[in-house]
Amino acid sequence: MSVYESLEQSLQEAIAIKNGEVPLTKRDNMPADTYYVDESERKVLEEIVRLRREKNISQECLTKMIVQRTHQQETA
């Protein structure tokens, strides 16, 4: 993975975390509040980034697709 790809993936993960799409787990017994993404969630994020690149889907388009799908599930 190139530096650019690594940076892009990190930013995608940060956006997903900020939007509440990826649950964070609090690590106990740490001197400060410490959170991490479970390994199974990390694999899902990596797959999303891979598919987005492969299908040439913009972040904006992906967000719209997720919002639309979430809305459909909530109203079903």
PDB file of N, CA and C in Angstrom:
ATOM      1  N   MET A   1       0.858  -1.174   0.000  1.00  0.00           N
ATOM      2  CA  MET A   1       0.000   0.000   0.000  1.00  0.00           C
ATOM      3  C   MET A   1       0.900   1.232   0.000  1.00  0.00           C
ATOM      4  N   SER A   2       0.609   2.148  -0.895  1.00  0.00           N
ATOM      5  CA  SER A   2       1.411   3.366  -0.991  1.00  0.00           C
ATOM      6  C   SER A   2       1.083   4.313   0.166  1.00  0.00           C
ATOM      7  N   VAL A   3       1.912   5.322   0.334  1.00  0.00           N
ATOM      8  CA  VAL A   3       1.679   6.324   1.374  1.00  0.00           C
ATOM      9  C   VAL A   3       0.344   7.014   1.124  1.00  0.00           C
ATOM     10  N   TYR A   4       0.067   7.340  -0.125  1.00  0.00           N
ATOM     11  CA  TYR A   4      -1.207   7.994  -0.468  1.00  0.00           C
ATOM     12  C   TYR A   4      -2.384   7.098  -0.101  1.00  0.00           C
ATOM     13  N   GLU A   5      -2.315   5.822  -0.469  1.00  0.00           N
ATOM     14  CA  GLU A   5      -3.404   4.893  -0.166  1.00  0.00           C
ATOM     15  C   GLU A   5      -3.590   4.714   1.337  1.00  0.00           C
ATOM     16  N   SER A   6      -2.489   4.653   2.055  1.00  0.00           N
ATOM     17  CA  SER A   6      -2.551   4.525   3.509  1.00  0.00           C
ATOM     18  C   SER A   6      -3.200   5.755   4.138  1.00  0.00           C
ATOM     19  N   LEU A   7      -2.817   6.923   3.655  1.00  0.00           N
ATOM     20  CA  LEU A   7      -3.404   8.166   4.153  1.00  0.00           C
ATOM     21  C   LEU A   7      -4.891   8.217   3.827  1.00  0.00           C
ATOM     22  N   GLU A   8      -5.250   7.849   2.596  1.00  0.00           N
ATOM     23  CA  GLU A   8      -6.655   7.854   2.199  1.00  0.00           C
ATOM     24  C   GLU A   8      -7.460   6.898   3.073  1.00  0.00           C
ATOM     25  N   GLN A   9      -6.931   5.712   3.318  1.00  0.00           N
ATOM     26  CA  GLN A   9      -7.642   4.748   4.152  1.00  0.00           C
ATOM     27  C   GLN A   9      -7.807   5.274   5.573  1.00  0.00           C
ATOM     28  N   SER A  10      -6.767   5.897   6.104  1.00  0.00           N
ATOM     29  CA  SER A  10      -6.853   6.471   7.453  1.00  0.00           C
ATOM     30  C   SER A  10      -7.922   7.553   7.521  1.00  0.00           C
ATOM     31  N   LEU A  11      -7.985   8.387   6.507  1.00  0.00           N
ATOM     32  CA  LEU A  11      -9.006   9.436   6.475  1.00  0.00           C
ATOM     33  C   LEU A  11     -10.405   8.846   6.343  1.00  0.00           C
ATOM     34  N   GLN A  12     -10.549   7.796   5.533  1.00  0.00           N
ATOM     35  CA  GLN A  12     -11.844   7.134   5.390  1.00  0.00           C
ATOM     36  C   GLN A  12     -12.286   6.550   6.734  1.00  0.00           C
ATOM     37  N   GLU A  13     -11.357   5.949   7.440  1.00  0.00           N
ATOM     38  CA  GLU A  13     -11.664   5.388   8.752  1.00  0.00           C
ATOM     39  C   GLU A  13     -12.067   6.483   9.729  1.00  0.00           C
ATOM     40  N   ALA A  14     -11.349   7.594   9.707  1.00  0.00           N
ATOM     41  CA  ALA A  14     -11.667   8.711  10.612  1.00  0.00           C
ATOM     42  C   ALA A  14     -13.063   9.258  10.324  1.00  0.00           C
ATOM     43  N   ILE A  15     -13.413   9.368   9.053  1.00  0.00           N
ATOM     44  CA  ILE A  15     -14.744   9.860   8.679  1.00  0.00           C
ATOM     45  C   ILE A  15     -15.815   8.890   9.161  1.00  0.00           C
ATOM     46  N   ALA A  16     -15.587   7.599   8.953  1.00  0.00           N
ATOM     47  CA  ALA A  16     -16.561   6.594   9.383  1.00  0.00           C
ATOM     48  C   ALA A  16     -16.733   6.611  10.903  1.00  0.00           C
ATOM     49  N   ILE A  17     -15.644   6.774  11.627  1.00  0.00           N
ATOM     50  CA  ILE A  17     -15.706   6.843  13.090  1.00  0.00           C
ATOM     51  C   ILE A  17     -16.457   8.097  13.512  1.00  0.00           C
ATOM     52  N   LYS A  18     -16.123   9.227  12.905  1.00  0.00           N
ATOM     53  CA  LYS A  18     -16.781  10.496  13.239  1.00  0.00           C
ATOM     54  C   LYS A  18     -18.280  10.440  12.982  1.00  0.00           C
ATOM     55  N   ASN A  19     -18.675   9.768  11.900  1.00  0.00           N
ATOM     56  CA  ASN A  19     -20.088   9.664  11.542  1.00  0.00           C
ATOM     57  C   ASN A  19     -20.817   8.583  12.333  1.00  0.00           C
ATOM     58  N   GLY A  20     -20.104   7.907  13.232  1.00  0.00           N
ATOM     59  CA  GLY A  20     -20.731   6.872  14.048  1.00  0.00           C
ATOM     60  C   GLY A  20     -20.989   5.574  13.310  1.00  0.00           C
ATOM     61  N   GLU A  21     -20.363   5.400  12.156  1.00  0.00           N
ATOM     62  CA  GLU A  21     -20.572   4.198  11.354  1.00  0.00           C
ATOM     63  C   GLU A  21     -19.741   3.022  11.849  1.00  0.00           C
ATOM     64  N   VAL A  22     -18.726   3.319  12.640  1.00  0.00           N
ATOM     65  CA  VAL A  22     -17.845   2.282  13.164  1.00  0.00           C
ATOM     66  C   VAL A  22     -17.808   2.404  14.678  1.00  0.00           C
ATOM     67  N   PRO A  23     -18.217   1.359  15.373  1.00  0.00           N
ATOM     68  CA  PRO A  23     -18.205   1.444  16.835  1.00  0.00           C
ATOM     69  C   PRO A  23     -16.793   1.396  17.396  1.00  0.00           C
ATOM     70  N   LEU A  24     -16.561   2.225  18.389  1.00  0.00           N
ATOM     71  CA  LEU A  24     -15.288   2.226  19.084  1.00  0.00           C
ATOM     72  C   LEU A  24     -15.449   1.463  20.395  1.00  0.00           C
ATOM     73  N   THR A  25     -14.401   0.772  20.797  1.00  0.00           N
ATOM     74  CA  THR A  25     -14.387   0.048  22.058  1.00  0.00           C
ATOM     75  C   THR A  25     -13.422   0.748  22.996  1.00  0.00           C
ATOM     76  N   LYS A  26     -13.881   0.988  24.212  1.00  0.00           N
ATOM     77  CA  LYS A  26     -13.022   1.667  25.185  1.00  0.00           C
ATOM     78  C   LYS A  26     -12.065   0.641  25.802  1.00  0.00           C
ATOM     79  N   ARG A  27     -10.806   1.010  25.865  1.00  0.00           N
ATOM     80  CA  ARG A  27      -9.797   0.151  26.470  1.00  0.00           C
ATOM     81  C   ARG A  27      -9.695   0.517  27.944  1.00  0.00           C
ATOM     82  N   ASP A  28      -9.913  -0.463  28.796  1.00  0.00           N
ATOM     83  CA  ASP A  28      -9.875  -0.240  30.239  1.00  0.00           C
ATOM     84  C   ASP A  28      -8.441  -0.160  30.754  1.00  0.00           C
ATOM     85  N   ASN A  29      -8.326   0.363  31.949  1.00  0.00           N
ATOM     86  CA  ASN A  29      -7.050   0.437  32.671  1.00  0.00           C
ATOM     87  C   ASN A  29      -5.973   1.233  31.934  1.00  0.00           C
ATOM     88  N   MET A  30      -6.396   2.302  31.290  1.00  0.00           N
ATOM     89  CA  MET A  30      -5.455   3.182  30.614  1.00  0.00           C
ATOM     90  C   MET A  30      -5.456   4.526  31.351  1.00  0.00           C
ATOM     91  N   PRO A  31      -4.325   5.243  31.363  1.00  0.00           N
ATOM     92  CA  PRO A  31      -4.261   6.503  32.094  1.00  0.00           C
ATOM     93  C   PRO A  31      -5.175   7.591  31.521  1.00  0.00           C
ATOM     94  N   ALA A  32      -5.500   7.483  30.262  1.00  0.00           N
ATOM     95  CA  ALA A  32      -6.421   8.439  29.618  1.00  0.00           C
ATOM     96  C   ALA A  32      -7.455   7.634  28.849  1.00  0.00           C
ATOM     97  N   ASP A  33      -8.579   8.280  28.505  1.00  0.00           N
ATOM     98  CA  ASP A  33      -9.588   7.587  27.707  1.00  0.00           C
ATOM     99  C   ASP A  33      -8.950   7.118  26.402  1.00  0.00           C
ATOM    100  N   THR A  34      -9.038   5.827  26.156  1.00  0.00           N
ATOM    101  CA  THR A  34      -8.420   5.227  24.985  1.00  0.00           C
ATOM    102  C   THR A  34      -9.442   4.337  24.295  1.00  0.00           C
ATOM    103  N   TYR A  35      -9.591   4.521  22.992  1.00  0.00           N
ATOM    104  CA  TYR A  35     -10.564   3.762  22.220  1.00  0.00           C
ATOM    105  C   TYR A  35      -9.859   3.106  21.045  1.00  0.00           C
ATOM    106  N   TYR A  36     -10.433   2.001  20.574  1.00  0.00           N
ATOM    107  CA  TYR A  36      -9.879   1.334  19.408  1.00  0.00           C
ATOM    108  C   TYR A  36     -11.004   0.747  18.575  1.00  0.00           C
ATOM    109  N   VAL A  37     -10.691   0.455  17.319  1.00  0.00           N
ATOM    110  CA  VAL A  37     -11.641  -0.180  16.414  1.00  0.00           C
ATOM    111  C   VAL A  37     -11.347  -1.670  16.445  1.00  0.00           C
ATOM    112  N   ASP A  38     -12.372  -2.448  16.718  1.00  0.00           N
ATOM    113  CA  ASP A  38     -12.231  -3.899  16.755  1.00  0.00           C
ATOM    114  C   ASP A  38     -11.713  -4.401  15.405  1.00  0.00           C
ATOM    115  N   GLU A  39     -10.935  -5.461  15.421  1.00  0.00           N
ATOM    116  CA  GLU A  39     -10.322  -5.983  14.189  1.00  0.00           C
ATOM    117  C   GLU A  39     -11.368  -6.357  13.134  1.00  0.00           C
ATOM    118  N   SER A  40     -12.505  -6.900  13.551  1.00  0.00           N
ATOM    119  CA  SER A  40     -13.536  -7.261  12.568  1.00  0.00           C
ATOM    120  C   SER A  40     -14.085  -6.014  11.876  1.00  0.00           C
ATOM    121  N   GLU A  41     -14.230  -4.908  12.618  1.00  0.00           N
ATOM    122  CA  GLU A  41     -14.687  -3.655  12.020  1.00  0.00           C
ATOM    123  C   GLU A  41     -13.633  -3.089  11.079  1.00  0.00           C
ATOM    124  N   ARG A  42     -12.368  -3.233  11.425  1.00  0.00           N
ATOM    125  CA  ARG A  42     -11.285  -2.746  10.574  1.00  0.00           C
ATOM    126  C   ARG A  42     -11.309  -3.459   9.220  1.00  0.00           C
ATOM    127  N   LYS A  43     -11.580  -4.750   9.232  1.00  0.00           N
ATOM    128  CA  LYS A  43     -11.641  -5.505   7.977  1.00  0.00           C
ATOM    129  C   LYS A  43     -12.792  -5.016   7.102  1.00  0.00           C
ATOM    130  N   VAL A  44     -13.914  -4.675   7.721  1.00  0.00           N
ATOM    131  CA  VAL A  44     -15.045  -4.131   6.966  1.00  0.00           C
ATOM    132  C   VAL A  44     -14.648  -2.807   6.328  1.00  0.00           C
ATOM    133  N   LEU A  45     -13.978  -1.955   7.087  1.00  0.00           N
ATOM    134  CA  LEU A  45     -13.523  -0.666   6.541  1.00  0.00           C
ATOM    135  C   LEU A  45     -12.576  -0.866   5.363  1.00  0.00           C
ATOM    136  N   GLU A  46     -11.638  -1.782   5.500  1.00  0.00           N
ATOM    137  CA  GLU A  46     -10.689  -2.038   4.417  1.00  0.00           C
ATOM    138  C   GLU A  46     -11.420  -2.508   3.164  1.00  0.00           C
ATOM    139  N   GLU A  47     -12.433  -3.338   3.342  1.00  0.00           N
ATOM    140  CA  GLU A  47     -13.205  -3.828   2.200  1.00  0.00           C
ATOM    141  C   GLU A  47     -13.991  -2.705   1.537  1.00  0.00           C
ATOM    142  N   ILE A  48     -14.554  -1.811   2.340  1.00  0.00           N
ATOM    143  CA  ILE A  48     -15.289  -0.667   1.787  1.00  0.00           C
ATOM    144  C   ILE A  48     -14.354   0.208   0.959  1.00  0.00           C
ATOM    145  N   VAL A  49     -13.174   0.492   1.485  1.00  0.00           N
ATOM    146  CA  VAL A  49     -12.209   1.324   0.763  1.00  0.00           C
ATOM    147  C   VAL A  49     -11.801   0.635  -0.538  1.00  0.00           C
ATOM    148  N   ARG A  50     -11.561  -0.670  -0.486  1.00  0.00           N
ATOM    149  CA  ARG A  50     -11.150  -1.416  -1.684  1.00  0.00           C
ATOM    150  C   ARG A  50     -12.254  -1.359  -2.747  1.00  0.00           C
ATOM    151  N   LEU A  51     -13.496  -1.613  -2.337  1.00  0.00           N
ATOM    152  CA  LEU A  51     -14.599  -1.583  -3.300  1.00  0.00           C
ATOM    153  C   LEU A  51     -14.821  -0.189  -3.870  1.00  0.00           C
ATOM    154  N   ARG A  52     -14.678   0.823  -3.017  1.00  0.00           N
ATOM    155  CA  ARG A  52     -14.861   2.195  -3.484  1.00  0.00           C
ATOM    156  C   ARG A  52     -13.840   2.533  -4.564  1.00  0.00           C
ATOM    157  N   ARG A  53     -12.612   2.131  -4.348  1.00  0.00           N
ATOM    158  CA  ARG A  53     -11.566   2.379  -5.351  1.00  0.00           C
ATOM    159  C   ARG A  53     -11.832   1.580  -6.620  1.00  0.00           C
ATOM    160  N   GLU A  54     -12.168   0.303  -6.435  1.00  0.00           N
ATOM    161  CA  GLU A  54     -12.378  -0.591  -7.572  1.00  0.00           C
ATOM    162  C   GLU A  54     -13.522  -0.112  -8.465  1.00  0.00           C
ATOM    163  N   LYS A  55     -14.595   0.368  -7.850  1.00  0.00           N
ATOM    164  CA  LYS A  55     -15.768   0.818  -8.592  1.00  0.00           C
ATOM    165  C   LYS A  55     -15.739   2.315  -8.884  1.00  0.00           C
ATOM    166  N   ASN A  56     -14.681   2.982  -8.442  1.00  0.00           N
ATOM    167  CA  ASN A  56     -14.505   4.416  -8.659  1.00  0.00           C
ATOM    168  C   ASN A  56     -15.705   5.214  -8.126  1.00  0.00           C
ATOM    169  N   ILE A  57     -16.069   4.928  -6.876  1.00  0.00           N
ATOM    170  CA  ILE A  57     -17.187   5.607  -6.218  1.00  0.00           C
ATOM    171  C   ILE A  57     -16.615   6.693  -5.319  1.00  0.00           C
ATOM    172  N   SER A  58     -17.120   7.902  -5.458  1.00  0.00           N
ATOM    173  CA  SER A  58     -16.633   9.001  -4.619  1.00  0.00           C
ATOM    174  C   SER A  58     -17.138   8.833  -3.196  1.00  0.00           C
ATOM    175  N   GLN A  59     -16.464   9.492  -2.258  1.00  0.00           N
ATOM    176  CA  GLN A  59     -16.896   9.452  -0.860  1.00  0.00           C
ATOM    177  C   GLN A  59     -18.306  10.019  -0.731  1.00  0.00           C
ATOM    178  N   GLU A  60     -18.587  11.085  -1.465  1.00  0.00           N
ATOM    179  CA  GLU A  60     -19.911  11.700  -1.414  1.00  0.00           C
ATOM    180  C   GLU A  60     -20.988  10.729  -1.889  1.00  0.00           C
ATOM    181  N   CYS A  61     -20.724  10.045  -2.988  1.00  0.00           N
ATOM    182  CA  CYS A  61     -21.681   9.080  -3.528  1.00  0.00           C
ATOM    183  C   CYS A  61     -21.870   7.921  -2.551  1.00  0.00           C
ATOM    184  N   LEU A  62     -20.788   7.435  -1.982  1.00  0.00           N
ATOM    185  CA  LEU A  62     -20.870   6.346  -1.016  1.00  0.00           C
ATOM    186  C   LEU A  62     -21.692   6.761   0.199  1.00  0.00           C
ATOM    187  N   THR A  63     -21.481   7.967   0.678  1.00  0.00           N
ATOM    188  CA  THR A  63     -22.241   8.471   1.821  1.00  0.00           C
ATOM    189  C   THR A  63     -23.727   8.519   1.499  1.00  0.00           C
ATOM    190  N   LYS A  64     -24.065   9.009   0.310  1.00  0.00           N
ATOM    191  CA  LYS A  64     -25.475   9.062  -0.103  1.00  0.00           C
ATOM    192  C   LYS A  64     -26.074   7.659  -0.168  1.00  0.00           C
ATOM    193  N   MET A  65     -25.314   6.699  -0.679  1.00  0.00           N
ATOM    194  CA  MET A  65     -25.797   5.328  -0.764  1.00  0.00           C
ATOM    195  C   MET A  65     -26.054   4.756   0.631  1.00  0.00           C
ATOM    196  N   ILE A  66     -25.144   5.015   1.562  1.00  0.00           N
ATOM    197  CA  ILE A  66     -25.288   4.512   2.927  1.00  0.00           C
ATOM    198  C   ILE A  66     -26.491   5.150   3.609  1.00  0.00           C
ATOM    199  N   VAL A  67     -26.634   6.463   3.460  1.00  0.00           N
ATOM    200  CA  VAL A  67     -27.767   7.170   4.076  1.00  0.00           C
ATOM    201  C   VAL A  67     -29.078   6.642   3.507  1.00  0.00           C
ATOM    202  N   GLN A  68     -29.139   6.459   2.196  1.00  0.00           N
ATOM    203  CA  GLN A  68     -30.352   5.973   1.562  1.00  0.00           C
ATOM    204  C   GLN A  68     -30.680   4.554   2.058  1.00  0.00           C
ATOM    205  N   ARG A  69     -29.680   3.707   2.133  1.00  0.00           N
ATOM    206  CA  ARG A  69     -29.882   2.327   2.602  1.00  0.00           C
ATOM    207  C   ARG A  69     -30.329   2.309   4.065  1.00  0.00           C
ATOM    208  N   THR A  70     -29.709   3.129   4.894  1.00  0.00           N
ATOM    209  CA  THR A  70     -30.083   3.209   6.297  1.00  0.00           C
ATOM    210  C   THR A  70     -31.526   3.668   6.442  1.00  0.00           C
ATOM    211  N   HIS A  71     -31.905   4.674   5.658  1.00  0.00           N
ATOM    212  CA  HIS A  71     -33.284   5.171   5.690  1.00  0.00           C
ATOM    213  C   HIS A  71     -34.269   4.070   5.278  1.00  0.00           C
ATOM    214  N   GLN A  72     -33.923   3.305   4.259  1.00  0.00           N
ATOM    215  CA  GLN A  72     -34.791   2.229   3.809  1.00  0.00           C
ATOM    216  C   GLN A  72     -34.965   1.175   4.906  1.00  0.00           C
ATOM    217  N   GLN A  73     -33.892   0.858   5.606  1.00  0.00           N
ATOM    218  CA  GLN A  73     -33.952  -0.143   6.672  1.00  0.00           C
ATOM    219  C   GLN A  73     -34.775   0.376   7.848  1.00  0.00           C
ATOM    220  N   GLU A  74     -34.682   1.658   8.144  1.00  0.00           N
ATOM    221  CA  GLU A  74     -35.422   2.234   9.255  1.00  0.00           C
ATOM    222  C   GLU A  74     -36.923   2.295   8.974  1.00  0.00           C
ATOM    223  N   THR A  75     -37.287   2.479   7.716  1.00  0.00           N
ATOM    224  CA  THR A  75     -38.698   2.603   7.368  1.00  0.00           C
ATOM    225  C   THR A  75     -39.339   1.260   7.026  1.00  0.00           C
ATOM    226  N   ALA A  76     -38.541   0.221   6.937  1.00  0.00           N
ATOM    227  CA  ALA A  76     -39.076  -1.123   6.588  1.00  0.00           C
ATOM    228  C   ALA A  76     -39.715  -1.802   7.791  1.00  0.00           C
TER     229      ALA A  76
END
